């Protein structure tokens, strides 16, 4: 059974930083592509960043140069370091794994105050 558990969300002022974590189980992690998505109130879920099993990364334009995705295969965990946060980054952030199917965590709320 695949499980993804996010943590690290919270309330932060604009310009601040947060680091999200996602712990995965039930997958052969080193072979699994992972990613972060977000969904703001009233909007569709959108891709934030992805990281392949080989460590290649991709970001949506709005977070480039501010967010960094990384993975620790020894801990079966991915991270999203978010710097220079803006109010428009406010959303529920979801962890995603691509294994034999698409899997989602339950999400963690990030609120950026102006």
N, C-alpha and C. Protein backbone atom coordinates (compact mmCIF):
# COMPACT_ATOMS: atom_id res chain seq x y z
N UNK A 1 0.85 -1.19 0.00
CA UNK A 1 0.00 0.00 0.00
C UNK A 1 0.89 1.24 0.00
N UNK A 2 0.67 2.09 -0.99
CA UNK A 2 1.46 3.30 -1.11
C UNK A 2 0.90 4.38 -0.19
N UNK A 3 1.77 4.98 0.57
CA UNK A 3 1.37 6.10 1.43
C UNK A 3 2.35 7.25 1.26
N UNK A 4 1.80 8.44 1.16
CA UNK A 4 2.59 9.66 1.08
C UNK A 4 2.11 10.58 2.20
N UNK A 5 3.03 11.02 3.04
CA UNK A 5 2.66 11.85 4.18
C UNK A 5 3.45 13.15 4.13
N UNK A 6 2.71 14.25 3.92
CA UNK A 6 3.33 15.57 3.86
C UNK A 6 3.41 16.20 5.24
N UNK A 7 4.38 17.07 5.42
CA UNK A 7 4.50 17.85 6.64
C UNK A 7 5.25 19.14 6.33
N UNK A 8 5.18 20.08 7.27
CA UNK A 8 5.96 21.30 7.13
C UNK A 8 5.19 22.54 6.74
N UNK A 9 3.90 22.39 6.45
CA UNK A 9 3.12 23.56 6.11
C UNK A 9 2.89 24.45 7.32
N UNK A 10 2.34 25.62 7.06
CA UNK A 10 2.04 26.55 8.15
C UNK A 10 1.81 27.94 7.64
N UNK A 11 1.81 28.87 8.57
CA UNK A 11 1.59 30.29 8.28
C UNK A 11 2.94 31.01 8.30
N UNK A 12 3.20 31.78 7.25
CA UNK A 12 4.46 32.51 7.15
C UNK A 12 4.18 33.86 6.51
N UNK A 13 4.99 34.84 6.86
CA UNK A 13 4.84 36.16 6.25
C UNK A 13 5.47 36.18 4.87
N UNK A 14 4.99 37.06 4.04
CA UNK A 14 5.58 37.23 2.71
C UNK A 14 7.07 37.51 2.84
N UNK A 15 7.83 36.86 1.96
CA UNK A 15 9.28 36.98 2.00
C UNK A 15 9.95 35.90 2.84
N UNK A 16 9.16 35.16 3.59
CA UNK A 16 9.70 34.11 4.44
C UNK A 16 9.94 32.80 3.71
N UNK A 17 10.30 31.79 4.49
CA UNK A 17 10.64 30.49 3.92
C UNK A 17 9.95 29.37 4.70
N UNK A 18 9.71 28.27 4.00
CA UNK A 18 9.22 27.04 4.60
C UNK A 18 9.86 25.87 3.87
N UNK A 19 9.98 24.75 4.56
CA UNK A 19 10.42 23.53 3.92
C UNK A 19 9.37 22.44 4.14
N UNK A 20 8.84 21.95 3.05
CA UNK A 20 7.89 20.85 3.10
C UNK A 20 8.63 19.53 2.95
N UNK A 21 8.08 18.50 3.60
CA UNK A 21 8.62 17.15 3.48
C UNK A 21 7.51 16.20 3.07
N UNK A 22 7.89 15.14 2.37
CA UNK A 22 6.93 14.10 2.00
C UNK A 22 7.63 12.76 2.17
N UNK A 23 7.13 11.97 3.11
CA UNK A 23 7.68 10.64 3.36
C UNK A 23 6.85 9.60 2.62
N UNK A 24 7.51 8.77 1.86
CA UNK A 24 6.83 7.77 1.04
C UNK A 24 7.07 6.36 1.58
N UNK A 25 6.05 5.54 1.48
CA UNK A 25 6.18 4.12 1.82
C UNK A 25 5.37 3.31 0.82
N UNK A 26 5.75 2.03 0.69
CA UNK A 26 5.01 1.17 -0.23
C UNK A 26 5.48 1.24 -1.66
N UNK A 27 6.60 1.97 -1.90
CA UNK A 27 7.19 2.07 -3.24
C UNK A 27 8.68 1.77 -3.14
N UNK A 28 9.26 1.39 -4.27
CA UNK A 28 10.72 1.32 -4.33
C UNK A 28 11.17 2.73 -4.65
N UNK A 29 11.48 3.47 -3.61
CA UNK A 29 11.57 4.92 -3.70
C UNK A 29 12.60 5.36 -4.74
N UNK A 30 13.73 4.68 -4.78
CA UNK A 30 14.81 5.16 -5.67
C UNK A 30 14.41 5.06 -7.14
N UNK A 31 13.37 4.31 -7.44
CA UNK A 31 12.90 4.18 -8.81
C UNK A 31 11.66 5.03 -9.10
N UNK A 32 11.27 5.83 -8.13
CA UNK A 32 9.98 6.51 -8.20
C UNK A 32 10.15 8.00 -8.48
N UNK A 33 9.50 8.48 -9.52
CA UNK A 33 9.44 9.92 -9.77
C UNK A 33 8.48 10.55 -8.77
N UNK A 34 8.85 11.70 -8.27
CA UNK A 34 8.06 12.37 -7.24
C UNK A 34 7.80 13.82 -7.63
N UNK A 35 6.83 14.41 -6.98
CA UNK A 35 6.56 15.81 -7.29
C UNK A 35 5.72 16.49 -6.23
N UNK A 36 5.64 17.79 -6.37
CA UNK A 36 4.78 18.64 -5.55
C UNK A 36 3.79 19.36 -6.46
N UNK A 37 2.54 19.35 -6.04
CA UNK A 37 1.49 20.10 -6.70
C UNK A 37 0.83 20.98 -5.64
N UNK A 38 0.07 21.94 -6.09
CA UNK A 38 -0.67 22.79 -5.14
C UNK A 38 -2.03 23.16 -5.69
N UNK A 39 -2.92 23.44 -4.77
CA UNK A 39 -4.27 23.88 -5.15
C UNK A 39 -4.69 25.02 -4.26
N UNK A 40 -4.85 26.16 -4.88
CA UNK A 40 -5.31 27.36 -4.17
C UNK A 40 -6.83 27.36 -4.14
N UNK A 41 -7.43 28.08 -3.19
CA UNK A 41 -8.90 28.13 -3.12
C UNK A 41 -9.52 28.59 -4.42
N UNK A 42 -10.47 27.82 -4.92
CA UNK A 42 -11.16 28.19 -6.14
C UNK A 42 -10.41 27.93 -7.42
N UNK A 43 -9.24 27.30 -7.31
CA UNK A 43 -8.43 27.06 -8.50
C UNK A 43 -8.16 25.57 -8.67
N UNK A 44 -7.72 25.20 -9.86
CA UNK A 44 -7.38 23.81 -10.12
C UNK A 44 -6.00 23.48 -9.55
N UNK A 45 -5.80 22.20 -9.31
CA UNK A 45 -4.49 21.75 -8.84
C UNK A 45 -3.46 21.98 -9.95
N UNK A 46 -2.28 22.49 -9.58
CA UNK A 46 -1.24 22.76 -10.56
C UNK A 46 0.08 22.17 -10.12
N UNK A 47 0.90 21.85 -11.11
CA UNK A 47 2.22 21.32 -10.83
C UNK A 47 3.11 22.43 -10.28
N UNK A 48 3.89 22.11 -9.26
CA UNK A 48 4.86 23.05 -8.72
C UNK A 48 6.27 22.63 -9.14
N UNK A 49 6.63 21.39 -8.83
CA UNK A 49 7.98 20.90 -9.14
C UNK A 49 7.97 19.38 -9.16
N UNK A 50 8.84 18.82 -9.99
CA UNK A 50 8.99 17.37 -10.03
C UNK A 50 10.46 17.00 -9.98
N UNK A 51 10.72 15.77 -9.56
CA UNK A 51 12.08 15.25 -9.53
C UNK A 51 12.03 13.79 -9.96
N UNK A 52 12.86 13.45 -10.92
CA UNK A 52 12.88 12.08 -11.43
C UNK A 52 13.68 11.18 -10.49
N UNK A 53 13.64 9.88 -10.77
CA UNK A 53 14.43 8.95 -9.96
C UNK A 53 15.92 9.26 -10.09
N UNK A 54 16.32 9.84 -11.20
CA UNK A 54 17.72 10.19 -11.40
C UNK A 54 18.11 11.55 -10.86
N UNK A 55 17.12 12.28 -10.35
CA UNK A 55 17.42 13.57 -9.73
C UNK A 55 17.20 14.78 -10.62
N UNK A 56 16.71 14.59 -11.84
CA UNK A 56 16.42 15.73 -12.69
C UNK A 56 15.18 16.45 -12.17
N UNK A 57 15.21 17.76 -12.24
CA UNK A 57 14.12 18.56 -11.67
C UNK A 57 13.46 19.44 -12.72
N UNK A 58 12.23 19.79 -12.42
CA UNK A 58 11.46 20.69 -13.29
C UNK A 58 10.56 21.52 -12.41
N UNK A 59 10.40 22.80 -12.79
CA UNK A 59 9.61 23.73 -11.99
C UNK A 59 8.62 24.49 -12.87
N UNK A 60 7.50 24.84 -12.28
CA UNK A 60 6.62 25.77 -12.96
C UNK A 60 7.27 27.15 -12.92
N UNK A 61 6.99 27.96 -13.92
CA UNK A 61 7.70 29.23 -14.06
C UNK A 61 7.55 30.14 -12.84
N UNK A 62 6.41 30.11 -12.20
CA UNK A 62 6.15 31.05 -11.11
C UNK A 62 6.99 30.78 -9.86
N UNK A 63 7.61 29.61 -9.77
CA UNK A 63 8.41 29.29 -8.57
C UNK A 63 9.89 29.13 -8.88
N UNK A 64 10.25 29.21 -10.14
CA UNK A 64 11.67 29.07 -10.50
C UNK A 64 12.49 30.11 -9.76
N UNK A 65 13.65 29.72 -9.31
CA UNK A 65 14.60 30.58 -8.58
C UNK A 65 14.14 30.89 -7.16
N UNK A 66 12.98 30.37 -6.75
CA UNK A 66 12.52 30.56 -5.37
C UNK A 66 12.37 29.22 -4.64
N UNK A 67 11.93 28.20 -5.35
CA UNK A 67 11.67 26.89 -4.75
C UNK A 67 12.72 25.89 -5.22
N UNK A 68 13.05 24.94 -4.35
CA UNK A 68 13.98 23.87 -4.70
C UNK A 68 13.42 22.53 -4.24
N UNK A 69 13.28 21.61 -5.18
CA UNK A 69 12.85 20.25 -4.84
C UNK A 69 14.09 19.38 -4.73
N UNK A 70 14.07 18.46 -3.77
CA UNK A 70 15.18 17.54 -3.59
C UNK A 70 14.66 16.22 -3.04
N UNK A 71 15.51 15.21 -3.07
CA UNK A 71 15.11 13.91 -2.56
C UNK A 71 16.25 13.28 -1.78
N UNK A 72 15.87 12.49 -0.78
CA UNK A 72 16.82 11.72 0.01
C UNK A 72 16.37 10.27 -0.08
N UNK A 73 17.03 9.50 -0.94
CA UNK A 73 16.60 8.12 -1.16
C UNK A 73 16.81 7.24 0.08
N UNK A 74 17.74 7.62 0.93
CA UNK A 74 17.97 6.85 2.15
C UNK A 74 16.81 7.00 3.14
N UNK A 75 16.10 8.13 3.03
CA UNK A 75 14.99 8.40 3.94
C UNK A 75 13.63 8.27 3.27
N UNK A 76 13.62 7.87 1.98
CA UNK A 76 12.35 7.77 1.24
C UNK A 76 11.55 9.07 1.35
N UNK A 77 12.22 10.18 1.21
CA UNK A 77 11.60 11.48 1.45
C UNK A 77 12.01 12.47 0.37
N UNK A 78 11.04 13.29 -0.02
CA UNK A 78 11.35 14.45 -0.84
C UNK A 78 11.07 15.71 -0.05
N UNK A 79 11.67 16.80 -0.52
CA UNK A 79 11.53 18.07 0.17
C UNK A 79 11.20 19.16 -0.86
N UNK A 80 10.59 20.21 -0.38
CA UNK A 80 10.38 21.41 -1.17
C UNK A 80 10.77 22.59 -0.31
N UNK A 81 11.91 23.18 -0.63
CA UNK A 81 12.35 24.38 0.07
C UNK A 81 11.77 25.57 -0.65
N UNK A 82 11.00 26.36 0.07
CA UNK A 82 10.31 27.50 -0.53
C UNK A 82 10.84 28.79 0.09
N UNK A 83 11.49 29.58 -0.71
CA UNK A 83 12.03 30.87 -0.28
C UNK A 83 11.26 32.01 -0.92
N UNK A 84 11.41 33.20 -0.36
CA UNK A 84 10.78 34.41 -0.90
C UNK A 84 9.29 34.17 -1.18
N UNK A 85 8.62 33.62 -0.21
CA UNK A 85 7.22 33.26 -0.39
C UNK A 85 6.35 34.49 -0.62
N UNK A 86 5.33 34.31 -1.46
CA UNK A 86 4.41 35.38 -1.81
C UNK A 86 2.99 34.98 -1.41
N UNK A 87 2.11 35.93 -1.19
CA UNK A 87 0.72 35.57 -0.86
C UNK A 87 0.09 34.64 -1.90
N UNK A 88 0.47 34.78 -3.15
CA UNK A 88 -0.09 33.91 -4.19
C UNK A 88 0.42 32.48 -4.13
N UNK A 89 1.38 32.21 -3.25
CA UNK A 89 1.81 30.82 -3.03
C UNK A 89 0.90 30.10 -2.04
N UNK A 90 -0.04 30.81 -1.45
CA UNK A 90 -0.98 30.21 -0.51
C UNK A 90 -1.78 29.12 -1.20
N UNK A 91 -1.73 27.91 -0.64
CA UNK A 91 -2.42 26.77 -1.25
C UNK A 91 -2.23 25.55 -0.36
N UNK A 92 -2.97 24.51 -0.67
CA UNK A 92 -2.68 23.19 -0.11
C UNK A 92 -1.66 22.53 -1.04
N UNK A 93 -0.57 22.08 -0.49
CA UNK A 93 0.49 21.47 -1.27
C UNK A 93 0.40 19.95 -1.12
N UNK A 94 0.40 19.28 -2.27
CA UNK A 94 0.24 17.83 -2.31
C UNK A 94 1.51 17.18 -2.86
N UNK A 95 1.87 16.08 -2.24
CA UNK A 95 2.97 15.25 -2.72
C UNK A 95 2.41 14.23 -3.70
N UNK A 96 3.18 13.94 -4.74
CA UNK A 96 2.75 13.02 -5.79
C UNK A 96 3.86 12.01 -6.06
N UNK A 97 3.47 10.76 -6.28
CA UNK A 97 4.43 9.72 -6.66
C UNK A 97 3.92 9.02 -7.91
N UNK A 98 4.83 8.79 -8.84
CA UNK A 98 4.49 8.04 -10.05
C UNK A 98 5.21 6.71 -9.96
N UNK A 99 4.46 5.67 -9.68
CA UNK A 99 5.05 4.33 -9.52
C UNK A 99 4.34 3.42 -10.51
N UNK A 100 3.47 2.55 -10.05
CA UNK A 100 2.67 1.79 -10.99
C UNK A 100 1.37 2.55 -11.30
N UNK A 101 1.20 3.65 -10.62
CA UNK A 101 0.02 4.48 -10.77
C UNK A 101 0.38 5.86 -10.23
N UNK A 102 -0.56 6.80 -10.31
CA UNK A 102 -0.37 8.11 -9.68
C UNK A 102 -0.88 8.02 -8.26
N UNK A 103 -0.08 8.49 -7.29
CA UNK A 103 -0.48 8.49 -5.91
C UNK A 103 -0.35 9.89 -5.33
N UNK A 104 -1.24 10.20 -4.38
CA UNK A 104 -1.29 11.52 -3.78
C UNK A 104 -1.29 11.42 -2.27
N UNK A 105 -0.63 12.40 -1.62
CA UNK A 105 -0.79 12.57 -0.20
C UNK A 105 -2.06 13.35 0.10
N UNK A 106 -2.28 13.59 1.39
CA UNK A 106 -3.50 14.31 1.78
C UNK A 106 -3.31 15.81 1.75
N UNK A 107 -2.07 16.27 1.64
CA UNK A 107 -1.80 17.68 1.51
C UNK A 107 -1.43 18.36 2.82
N UNK A 108 -0.73 19.48 2.67
CA UNK A 108 -0.38 20.32 3.80
C UNK A 108 -0.61 21.77 3.40
N UNK A 109 -1.23 22.53 4.29
CA UNK A 109 -1.64 23.89 3.96
C UNK A 109 -0.49 24.87 4.20
N UNK A 110 -0.24 25.68 3.20
CA UNK A 110 0.72 26.78 3.30
C UNK A 110 -0.05 28.08 3.14
N UNK A 111 0.08 28.96 4.13
CA UNK A 111 -0.58 30.26 4.09
C UNK A 111 0.47 31.34 4.19
N UNK A 112 0.50 32.22 3.21
CA UNK A 112 1.47 33.31 3.18
C UNK A 112 0.71 34.62 3.37
N UNK A 113 1.01 35.30 4.45
CA UNK A 113 0.33 36.56 4.74
C UNK A 113 1.11 37.74 4.17
N UNK A 114 0.36 38.76 3.79
CA UNK A 114 1.01 39.94 3.18
C UNK A 114 1.39 40.96 4.23
